[in-house]
Amino acid sequence: MPALYILIPIALILVALAIWVFFWAVDSGQYDDLDGPAHSILFDDEDPLHKAGVDEAQKHTSKDKKDA
């Protein structure tokens, strides 16, 4: 029983920390571009134009936002 007096506050602190990290990630834009990495993997990293996939995804994303 005394272990619960330690484990419950630790669990609450961990949950609060996880919630804070999640909201920090959302506020800092970590989830803004979900299509860019998916398109970027199709291009060779050595290719200087490999950013084209990211640009293409951004065009589609901005087009989708305008349609909505």
N, C-alpha and C. Protein backbone atom coordinates (compact mmCIF):
# COMPACT_ATOMS: atom_id res chain seq x y z
N MET A 1 0.81 -1.21 0.00
CA MET A 1 0.00 0.00 0.00
C MET A 1 0.85 1.28 0.00
N PRO A 2 1.91 1.33 0.78
CA PRO A 2 2.73 2.56 0.75
C PRO A 2 3.37 2.82 -0.62
N ALA A 3 3.55 1.77 -1.40
CA ALA A 3 4.14 1.96 -2.73
C ALA A 3 3.20 2.77 -3.63
N LEU A 4 1.91 2.65 -3.39
CA LEU A 4 0.95 3.41 -4.19
C LEU A 4 1.09 4.92 -3.96
N TYR A 5 1.51 5.31 -2.77
CA TYR A 5 1.71 6.73 -2.47
C TYR A 5 2.84 7.32 -3.31
N ILE A 6 3.72 6.48 -3.79
CA ILE A 6 4.82 6.93 -4.65
C ILE A 6 4.46 6.73 -6.12
N LEU A 7 3.88 5.60 -6.45
CA LEU A 7 3.62 5.27 -7.85
C LEU A 7 2.52 6.13 -8.49
N ILE A 8 1.49 6.45 -7.75
CA ILE A 8 0.40 7.25 -8.32
C ILE A 8 0.87 8.66 -8.68
N PRO A 9 1.58 9.38 -7.81
CA PRO A 9 2.08 10.70 -8.24
C PRO A 9 3.07 10.62 -9.41
N ILE A 10 3.90 9.59 -9.43
CA ILE A 10 4.83 9.43 -10.55
C ILE A 10 4.06 9.20 -11.84
N ALA A 11 3.02 8.38 -11.79
CA ALA A 11 2.21 8.12 -12.99
C ALA A 11 1.52 9.40 -13.45
N LEU A 12 1.00 10.19 -12.51
CA LEU A 12 0.35 11.45 -12.87
C LEU A 12 1.33 12.43 -13.49
N ILE A 13 2.54 12.47 -12.97
CA ILE A 13 3.56 13.35 -13.53
C ILE A 13 3.92 12.90 -14.95
N LEU A 14 4.05 11.60 -15.17
CA LEU A 14 4.37 11.09 -16.51
C LEU A 14 3.26 11.38 -17.50
N VAL A 15 2.01 11.24 -17.08
CA VAL A 15 0.89 11.56 -17.96
C VAL A 15 0.88 13.05 -18.29
N ALA A 16 1.09 13.89 -17.30
CA ALA A 16 1.12 15.33 -17.54
C ALA A 16 2.27 15.69 -18.48
N LEU A 17 3.42 15.05 -18.31
CA LEU A 17 4.56 15.30 -19.19
C LEU A 17 4.24 14.86 -20.62
N ALA A 18 3.60 13.71 -20.79
CA ALA A 18 3.24 13.24 -22.13
C ALA A 18 2.25 14.18 -22.79
N ILE A 19 1.29 14.68 -22.05
CA ILE A 19 0.31 15.63 -22.60
C ILE A 19 1.01 16.93 -23.00
N TRP A 20 1.92 17.40 -22.15
CA TRP A 20 2.65 18.62 -22.46
C TRP A 20 3.50 18.46 -23.72
N VAL A 21 4.19 17.31 -23.86
CA VAL A 21 5.01 17.06 -25.05
C VAL A 21 4.13 17.00 -26.30
N PHE A 22 2.96 16.39 -26.19
CA PHE A 22 2.06 16.32 -27.33
C PHE A 22 1.62 17.71 -27.77
N PHE A 23 1.19 18.54 -26.83
CA PHE A 23 0.74 19.88 -27.19
C PHE A 23 1.90 20.74 -27.70
N TRP A 24 3.09 20.54 -27.15
CA TRP A 24 4.26 21.25 -27.65
C TRP A 24 4.51 20.86 -29.11
N ALA A 25 4.43 19.58 -29.43
CA ALA A 25 4.66 19.11 -30.80
C ALA A 25 3.62 19.69 -31.75
N VAL A 26 2.38 19.74 -31.34
CA VAL A 26 1.33 20.31 -32.19
C VAL A 26 1.57 21.80 -32.39
N ASP A 27 1.89 22.52 -31.33
CA ASP A 27 2.10 23.97 -31.43
C ASP A 27 3.34 24.32 -32.25
N SER A 28 4.36 23.45 -32.22
CA SER A 28 5.59 23.77 -32.95
C SER A 28 5.54 23.30 -34.40
N GLY A 29 4.41 22.73 -34.83
CA GLY A 29 4.24 22.39 -36.23
C GLY A 29 4.75 21.02 -36.62
N GLN A 30 4.93 20.13 -35.68
CA GLN A 30 5.45 18.80 -36.00
C GLN A 30 4.50 18.00 -36.87
N TYR A 31 3.23 18.30 -36.82
CA TYR A 31 2.24 17.53 -37.58
C TYR A 31 1.67 18.31 -38.77
N ASP A 32 2.31 19.41 -39.13
CA ASP A 32 1.78 20.24 -40.21
C ASP A 32 1.90 19.59 -41.59
N ASP A 33 3.04 18.99 -41.88
CA ASP A 33 3.29 18.44 -43.22
C ASP A 33 3.37 16.92 -43.13
N LEU A 34 2.26 16.26 -43.36
CA LEU A 34 2.24 14.81 -43.30
C LEU A 34 2.54 14.16 -44.65
N ASP A 35 2.38 14.92 -45.73
CA ASP A 35 2.61 14.36 -47.07
C ASP A 35 4.04 14.52 -47.55
N GLY A 36 4.75 15.51 -47.08
CA GLY A 36 6.10 15.79 -47.54
C GLY A 36 7.06 14.62 -47.39
N PRO A 37 7.18 14.03 -46.20
CA PRO A 37 8.09 12.90 -46.05
C PRO A 37 7.67 11.69 -46.89
N ALA A 38 6.39 11.51 -47.09
CA ALA A 38 5.93 10.39 -47.91
C ALA A 38 6.37 10.57 -49.36
N HIS A 39 6.34 11.78 -49.86
CA HIS A 39 6.79 12.04 -51.23
C HIS A 39 8.31 12.12 -51.31
N SER A 40 8.93 12.59 -50.25
CA SER A 40 10.38 12.77 -50.25
C SER A 40 11.12 11.44 -50.33
N ILE A 41 10.54 10.39 -49.81
CA ILE A 41 11.22 9.09 -49.81
C ILE A 41 11.35 8.53 -51.23
N LEU A 42 10.56 9.03 -52.15
CA LEU A 42 10.61 8.55 -53.52
C LEU A 42 11.81 9.10 -54.29
N PHE A 43 12.47 10.12 -53.75
CA PHE A 43 13.57 10.76 -54.43
C PHE A 43 14.89 10.40 -53.78
N ASP A 44 15.94 10.33 -54.58
CA ASP A 44 17.27 10.01 -54.10
C ASP A 44 17.81 11.17 -53.27
N ASP A 45 18.43 10.85 -52.13
CA ASP A 45 18.97 11.90 -51.27
C ASP A 45 20.14 12.63 -51.93
N GLU A 46 20.85 11.97 -52.81
CA GLU A 46 21.98 12.60 -53.49
C GLU A 46 21.54 13.53 -54.61
N ASP A 47 20.31 13.41 -55.03
CA ASP A 47 19.77 14.24 -56.10
C ASP A 47 19.51 15.65 -55.56
N PRO A 48 20.09 16.68 -56.15
CA PRO A 48 19.88 18.03 -55.62
C PRO A 48 18.43 18.50 -55.76
N LEU A 49 17.66 17.82 -56.58
CA LEU A 49 16.26 18.21 -56.77
C LEU A 49 15.31 17.34 -55.95
N HIS A 50 15.83 16.62 -54.95
CA HIS A 50 14.96 15.71 -54.20
C HIS A 50 13.92 16.44 -53.36
N LYS A 51 14.07 17.72 -53.20
CA LYS A 51 13.07 18.51 -52.48
C LYS A 51 11.81 18.70 -53.32
N ALA A 52 11.85 18.27 -54.57
CA ALA A 52 10.69 18.44 -55.44
C ALA A 52 9.48 17.70 -54.89
N GLY A 53 9.69 16.57 -54.26
CA GLY A 53 8.57 15.83 -53.68
C GLY A 53 7.92 16.60 -52.56
N VAL A 54 8.72 17.27 -51.76
CA VAL A 54 8.18 18.06 -50.67
C VAL A 54 7.40 19.24 -51.24
N ASP A 55 7.96 19.89 -52.26
CA ASP A 55 7.26 21.02 -52.88
C ASP A 55 5.94 20.57 -53.50
N GLU A 56 5.96 19.41 -54.14
CA GLU A 56 4.75 18.88 -54.76
C GLU A 56 3.68 18.59 -53.69
N ALA A 57 4.10 18.04 -52.58
CA ALA A 57 3.16 17.75 -51.50
C ALA A 57 2.58 19.04 -50.92
N GLN A 58 3.41 20.07 -50.83
CA GLN A 58 2.93 21.34 -50.30
C GLN A 58 1.92 21.97 -51.25
N LYS A 59 2.13 21.79 -52.55
CA LYS A 59 1.16 22.31 -53.52
C LYS A 59 -0.18 21.62 -53.36
N HIS A 60 -0.13 20.27 -53.18
CA HIS A 60 -1.38 19.53 -53.00
C HIS A 60 -2.06 19.91 -51.69
N THR A 61 -1.26 20.10 -50.64
CA THR A 61 -1.82 20.45 -49.34
C THR A 61 -2.48 21.82 -49.39
N SER A 62 -1.81 22.79 -50.02
CA SER A 62 -2.40 24.13 -50.09
C SER A 62 -3.64 24.11 -50.99
N LYS A 63 -3.63 23.28 -52.02
CA LYS A 63 -4.81 23.16 -52.88
C LYS A 63 -5.97 22.57 -52.11
N ASP A 64 -5.69 21.54 -51.27
CA ASP A 64 -6.74 20.93 -50.47
C ASP A 64 -7.31 21.93 -49.46
N LYS A 65 -6.45 22.77 -48.89
CA LYS A 65 -6.92 23.75 -47.92
C LYS A 65 -7.81 24.79 -48.59
N LYS A 66 -7.47 25.16 -49.84
CA LYS A 66 -8.28 26.14 -50.55
C LYS A 66 -9.64 25.56 -50.91
N ASP A 67 -9.68 24.25 -51.20
CA ASP A 67 -10.93 23.60 -51.56
C ASP A 67 -11.86 23.45 -50.37
N ALA A 68 -11.29 23.36 -49.18
CA ALA A 68 -12.10 23.10 -47.98
C ALA A 68 -12.85 24.31 -47.50
